[in-house]
Amino acid sequence: MAVVSELIRKEENGALSFGDYTLRTKAKLDNFDCQGDLYKVKTFNEITKLEKNGMFAYESVPGTTVTNFVKTNESASFNVEGAEDAQITLGLDEDKTYNVKIDNKDVGNIKTGLGGKLSISVELENQDSVKVEIFEV
């Protein structure tokens, strides 16, 4: 169980880690500066949400802990853990098709709509950590 007690941090490789699904009450941190971008995180056992420069980036229900979160224009990758299975939504480019892999298993292609949101379900119960990789097709 690796929670991010400081709510959000920058790793040595430039990736972000954020979220604490063990919290009973909401906690948030605003204006976290990472490579010129400002991040806001809200997290507790019911939800974890990340915004980048005021725009939606990540949300999970229930709450999760995310490590090594890297997002570019064409891809996103991260490790996620939580107390139970989670619905994860990512803010990506509008009207694009993405290939999704969960723990190196290809789960298929998903197309984003006008809002650019991509949603996946991830089985986290009885797992240490699950790797999620998303690439534009």
C-alpha atoms as a PDB file:
ATOM      1  CA  MET A   1       0.000   0.000   0.000  1.00  0.00           C
ATOM      2  CA  ALA A   2       1.828   3.085  -1.266  1.00  0.00           C
ATOM      3  CA  VAL A   3      -0.192   6.222  -0.693  1.00  0.00           C
ATOM      4  CA  VAL A   4       1.045   9.731  -1.453  1.00  0.00           C
ATOM      5  CA  SER A   5       0.880  11.307   2.008  1.00  0.00           C
ATOM      6  CA  GLU A   6       1.777  14.754   0.621  1.00  0.00           C
ATOM      7  CA  LEU A   7      -1.188  14.343  -1.837  1.00  0.00           C
ATOM      8  CA  ILE A   8       0.955  15.075  -4.923  1.00  0.00           C
ATOM      9  CA  ARG A   9       4.661  14.909  -5.693  1.00  0.00           C
ATOM     10  CA  LYS A  10       7.059  15.028  -8.612  1.00  0.00           C
ATOM     11  CA  GLU A  11       9.203  11.927  -9.050  1.00  0.00           C
ATOM     12  CA  GLU A  12      12.880  12.030 -10.035  1.00  0.00           C
ATOM     13  CA  ASN A  13      11.954  10.974 -13.593  1.00  0.00           C
ATOM     14  CA  GLY A  14       9.550  13.937 -13.953  1.00  0.00           C
ATOM     15  CA  ALA A  15       6.392  11.842 -13.500  1.00  0.00           C
ATOM     16  CA  LEU A  16       3.679  12.748 -10.983  1.00  0.00           C
ATOM     17  CA  SER A  17       2.368  10.652  -8.127  1.00  0.00           C
ATOM     18  CA  PHE A  18      -0.840  11.660  -6.371  1.00  0.00           C
ATOM     19  CA  GLY A  19      -3.822  10.525  -4.320  1.00  0.00           C
ATOM     20  CA  ASP A  20      -4.501   8.826  -1.008  1.00  0.00           C
ATOM     21  CA  TYR A  21      -7.417   6.392  -1.067  1.00  0.00           C
ATOM     22  CA  THR A  22      -7.057   5.690   2.678  1.00  0.00           C
ATOM     23  CA  LEU A  23      -8.274   9.146   3.747  1.00  0.00           C
ATOM     24  CA  ARG A  24     -11.735   9.274   5.347  1.00  0.00           C
ATOM     25  CA  THR A  25     -12.220  12.991   4.669  1.00  0.00           C
ATOM     26  CA  LYS A  26     -11.484  15.078   1.578  1.00  0.00           C
ATOM     27  CA  ALA A  27      -8.047  16.593   1.239  1.00  0.00           C
ATOM     28  CA  LYS A  28      -6.880  18.904  -1.521  1.00  0.00           C
ATOM     29  CA  LEU A  29      -3.773  20.694  -2.671  1.00  0.00           C
ATOM     30  CA  ASP A  30      -3.854  23.625  -5.107  1.00  0.00           C
ATOM     31  CA  ASN A  31      -1.214  25.236  -7.304  1.00  0.00           C
ATOM     32  CA  PHE A  32       1.350  22.420  -7.320  1.00  0.00           C
ATOM     33  CA  ASP A  33       3.930  23.563  -9.872  1.00  0.00           C
ATOM     34  CA  CYS A  34       5.517  20.908 -12.065  1.00  0.00           C
ATOM     35  CA  GLN A  35       7.454  21.844 -15.208  1.00  0.00           C
ATOM     36  CA  GLY A  36       5.531  25.098 -15.604  1.00  0.00           C
ATOM     37  CA  ASP A  37       2.088  23.531 -15.191  1.00  0.00           C
ATOM     38  CA  LEU A  38      -0.173  24.015 -12.165  1.00  0.00           C
ATOM     39  CA  TYR A  39      -1.912  20.967 -10.727  1.00  0.00           C
ATOM     40  CA  LYS A  40      -4.766  20.613  -8.267  1.00  0.00           C
ATOM     41  CA  VAL A  41      -5.529  17.326  -6.542  1.00  0.00           C
ATOM     42  CA  LYS A  42      -8.542  16.320  -4.457  1.00  0.00           C
ATOM     43  CA  THR A  43      -8.522  12.899  -2.858  1.00  0.00           C
ATOM     44  CA  PHE A  44     -10.050  10.613  -0.268  1.00  0.00           C
ATOM     45  CA  ASN A  45     -11.530   7.126  -0.134  1.00  0.00           C
ATOM     46  CA  GLU A  46     -14.507   8.000  -2.388  1.00  0.00           C
ATOM     47  CA  ILE A  47     -12.793   9.906  -5.235  1.00  0.00           C
ATOM     48  CA  THR A  48      -9.422  11.078  -6.526  1.00  0.00           C
ATOM     49  CA  LYS A  49      -9.333  13.950  -9.017  1.00  0.00           C
ATOM     50  CA  LEU A  50      -6.466  15.742 -10.771  1.00  0.00           C
ATOM     51  CA  GLU A  51      -6.642  18.971 -12.766  1.00  0.00           C
ATOM     52  CA  LYS A  52      -3.840  20.421 -14.890  1.00  0.00           C
ATOM     53  CA  ASN A  53      -3.941  24.175 -15.517  1.00  0.00           C
ATOM     54  CA  GLY A  54      -7.622  24.193 -14.556  1.00  0.00           C
ATOM     55  CA  MET A  55      -8.515  21.405 -17.013  1.00  0.00           C
ATOM     56  CA  PHE A  56      -9.712  17.889 -16.172  1.00  0.00           C
ATOM     57  CA  ALA A  57      -6.885  15.317 -16.241  1.00  0.00           C
ATOM     58  CA  TYR A  58      -7.840  12.267 -14.089  1.00  0.00           C
ATOM     59  CA  GLU A  59     -10.663  11.016 -11.906  1.00  0.00           C
ATOM     60  CA  SER A  60     -11.282   7.725 -10.149  1.00  0.00           C
ATOM     61  CA  VAL A  61     -14.293   6.470  -8.234  1.00  0.00           C
ATOM     62  CA  PRO A  62     -13.629   5.289  -5.595  1.00  0.00           C
ATOM     63  CA  GLY A  63     -10.383   7.039  -4.650  1.00  0.00           C
ATOM     64  CA  THR A  64      -7.022   5.686  -5.779  1.00  0.00           C
ATOM     65  CA  THR A  65      -3.314   6.325  -5.481  1.00  0.00           C
ATOM     66  CA  VAL A  66      -1.546   6.966  -8.791  1.00  0.00           C
ATOM     67  CA  THR A  67       2.210   6.684  -9.253  1.00  0.00           C
ATOM     68  CA  ASN A  68       4.442   7.514 -12.212  1.00  0.00           C
ATOM     69  CA  PHE A  69       1.681   9.406 -14.056  1.00  0.00           C
ATOM     70  CA  VAL A  70       2.992  10.605 -17.418  1.00  0.00           C
ATOM     71  CA  LYS A  71       0.702  12.170 -20.023  1.00  0.00           C
ATOM     72  CA  THR A  72       1.666  13.492 -23.447  1.00  0.00           C
ATOM     73  CA  ASN A  73      -0.439  14.521 -26.447  1.00  0.00           C
ATOM     74  CA  GLU A  74      -0.401  10.935 -27.745  1.00  0.00           C
ATOM     75  CA  SER A  75      -0.292   8.765 -24.614  1.00  0.00           C
ATOM     76  CA  ALA A  76      -0.747   8.323 -20.888  1.00  0.00           C
ATOM     77  CA  SER A  77       0.754   5.775 -18.524  1.00  0.00           C
ATOM     78  CA  PHE A  78       0.600   5.249 -14.776  1.00  0.00           C
ATOM     79  CA  ASN A  79       0.391   2.715 -11.982  1.00  0.00           C
ATOM     80  CA  VAL A  80      -2.746   2.734  -9.869  1.00  0.00           C
ATOM     81  CA  GLU A  81      -3.820   1.084  -6.652  1.00  0.00           C
ATOM     82  CA  GLY A  82      -6.862   1.192  -4.449  1.00  0.00           C
ATOM     83  CA  ALA A  83      -8.918  -0.688  -1.907  1.00  0.00           C
ATOM     84  CA  GLU A  84     -11.470  -1.829  -4.503  1.00  0.00           C
ATOM     85  CA  ASP A  85     -12.122  -1.878  -8.242  1.00  0.00           C
ATOM     86  CA  ALA A  86     -12.284   1.611  -9.747  1.00  0.00           C
ATOM     87  CA  GLN A  87     -13.797   3.491 -12.658  1.00  0.00           C
ATOM     88  CA  ILE A  88     -11.069   5.761 -14.061  1.00  0.00           C
ATOM     89  CA  THR A  89     -11.676   8.663 -16.432  1.00  0.00           C
ATOM     90  CA  LEU A  90      -8.870  10.509 -18.215  1.00  0.00           C
ATOM     91  CA  GLY A  91      -8.959  13.826 -20.033  1.00  0.00           C
ATOM     92  CA  LEU A  92      -7.425  13.254 -23.478  1.00  0.00           C
ATOM     93  CA  ASP A  93      -7.818  14.728 -26.959  1.00  0.00           C
ATOM     94  CA  GLU A  94     -11.307  14.963 -28.456  1.00  0.00           C
ATOM     95  CA  ASP A  95     -12.496  12.541 -31.132  1.00  0.00           C
ATOM     96  CA  LYS A  96      -9.406  10.297 -31.083  1.00  0.00           C
ATOM     97  CA  THR A  97      -8.999   6.535 -30.792  1.00  0.00           C
ATOM     98  CA  TYR A  98      -6.746   5.140 -28.079  1.00  0.00           C
ATOM     99  CA  ASN A  99      -5.440   1.630 -27.448  1.00  0.00           C
ATOM    100  CA  VAL A 100      -5.665   0.634 -23.783  1.00  0.00           C
ATOM    101  CA  LYS A 101      -3.473  -1.909 -21.979  1.00  0.00           C
ATOM    102  CA  ILE A 102      -3.972  -2.923 -18.368  1.00  0.00           C
ATOM    103  CA  ASP A 103      -1.078  -4.899 -16.856  1.00  0.00           C
ATOM    104  CA  ASN A 104       0.248  -5.501 -20.399  1.00  0.00           C
ATOM    105  CA  LYS A 105      -3.083  -7.023 -21.482  1.00  0.00           C
ATOM    106  CA  ASP A 106      -4.634  -5.349 -24.528  1.00  0.00           C
ATOM    107  CA  VAL A 107      -8.213  -4.423 -23.636  1.00  0.00           C
ATOM    108  CA  GLY A 108      -8.949  -2.851 -27.010  1.00  0.00           C
ATOM    109  CA  ASN A 109      -9.451   0.528 -28.610  1.00  0.00           C
ATOM    110  CA  ILE A 110     -11.614   3.271 -27.122  1.00  0.00           C
ATOM    111  CA  LYS A 111     -12.700   6.435 -28.920  1.00  0.00           C
ATOM    112  CA  THR A 112     -13.104   9.717 -27.078  1.00  0.00           C
ATOM    113  CA  GLY A 113     -16.019  12.000 -27.820  1.00  0.00           C
ATOM    114  CA  LEU A 114     -16.276  15.772 -27.999  1.00  0.00           C
ATOM    115  CA  GLY A 115     -15.217  16.168 -24.359  1.00  0.00           C
ATOM    116  CA  GLY A 116     -12.096  14.057 -24.858  1.00  0.00           C
ATOM    117  CA  LYS A 117     -12.849  11.799 -21.901  1.00  0.00           C
ATOM    118  CA  LEU A 118     -11.842   8.149 -21.855  1.00  0.00           C
ATOM    119  CA  SER A 119     -13.242   5.827 -19.157  1.00  0.00           C
ATOM    120  CA  ILE A 120     -11.971   2.410 -18.110  1.00  0.00           C
ATOM    121  CA  SER A 121     -12.670  -0.017 -15.286  1.00  0.00           C
ATOM    122  CA  VAL A 122      -9.661  -1.360 -13.426  1.00  0.00           C
ATOM    123  CA  GLU A 123      -9.709  -4.340 -11.055  1.00  0.00           C
ATOM    124  CA  LEU A 124      -7.751  -3.237  -8.000  1.00  0.00           C
ATOM    125  CA  GLU A 125      -9.140  -5.377  -5.201  1.00  0.00           C
ATOM    126  CA  ASN A 126      -6.476  -7.810  -3.917  1.00  0.00           C
ATOM    127  CA  GLN A 127      -3.850  -6.237  -6.226  1.00  0.00           C
ATOM    128  CA  ASP A 128      -0.691  -4.410  -5.211  1.00  0.00           C
ATOM    129  CA  SER A 129      -0.615  -2.086  -8.215  1.00  0.00           C
ATOM    130  CA  VAL A 130      -1.939  -2.147 -11.773  1.00  0.00           C
ATOM    131  CA  LYS A 131      -0.124  -0.613 -14.762  1.00  0.00           C
ATOM    132  CA  VAL A 132      -2.278   1.321 -17.248  1.00  0.00           C
ATOM    133  CA  GLU A 133      -0.965   2.344 -20.677  1.00  0.00           C
ATOM    134  CA  ILE A 134      -2.948   4.342 -23.239  1.00  0.00           C
ATOM    135  CA  PHE A 135      -1.659   5.162 -26.726  1.00  0.00           C
ATOM    136  CA  GLU A 136      -3.261   7.087 -29.588  1.00  0.00           C
ATOM    137  CA  VAL A 137      -3.944   4.789 -32.553  1.00  0.00           C
END
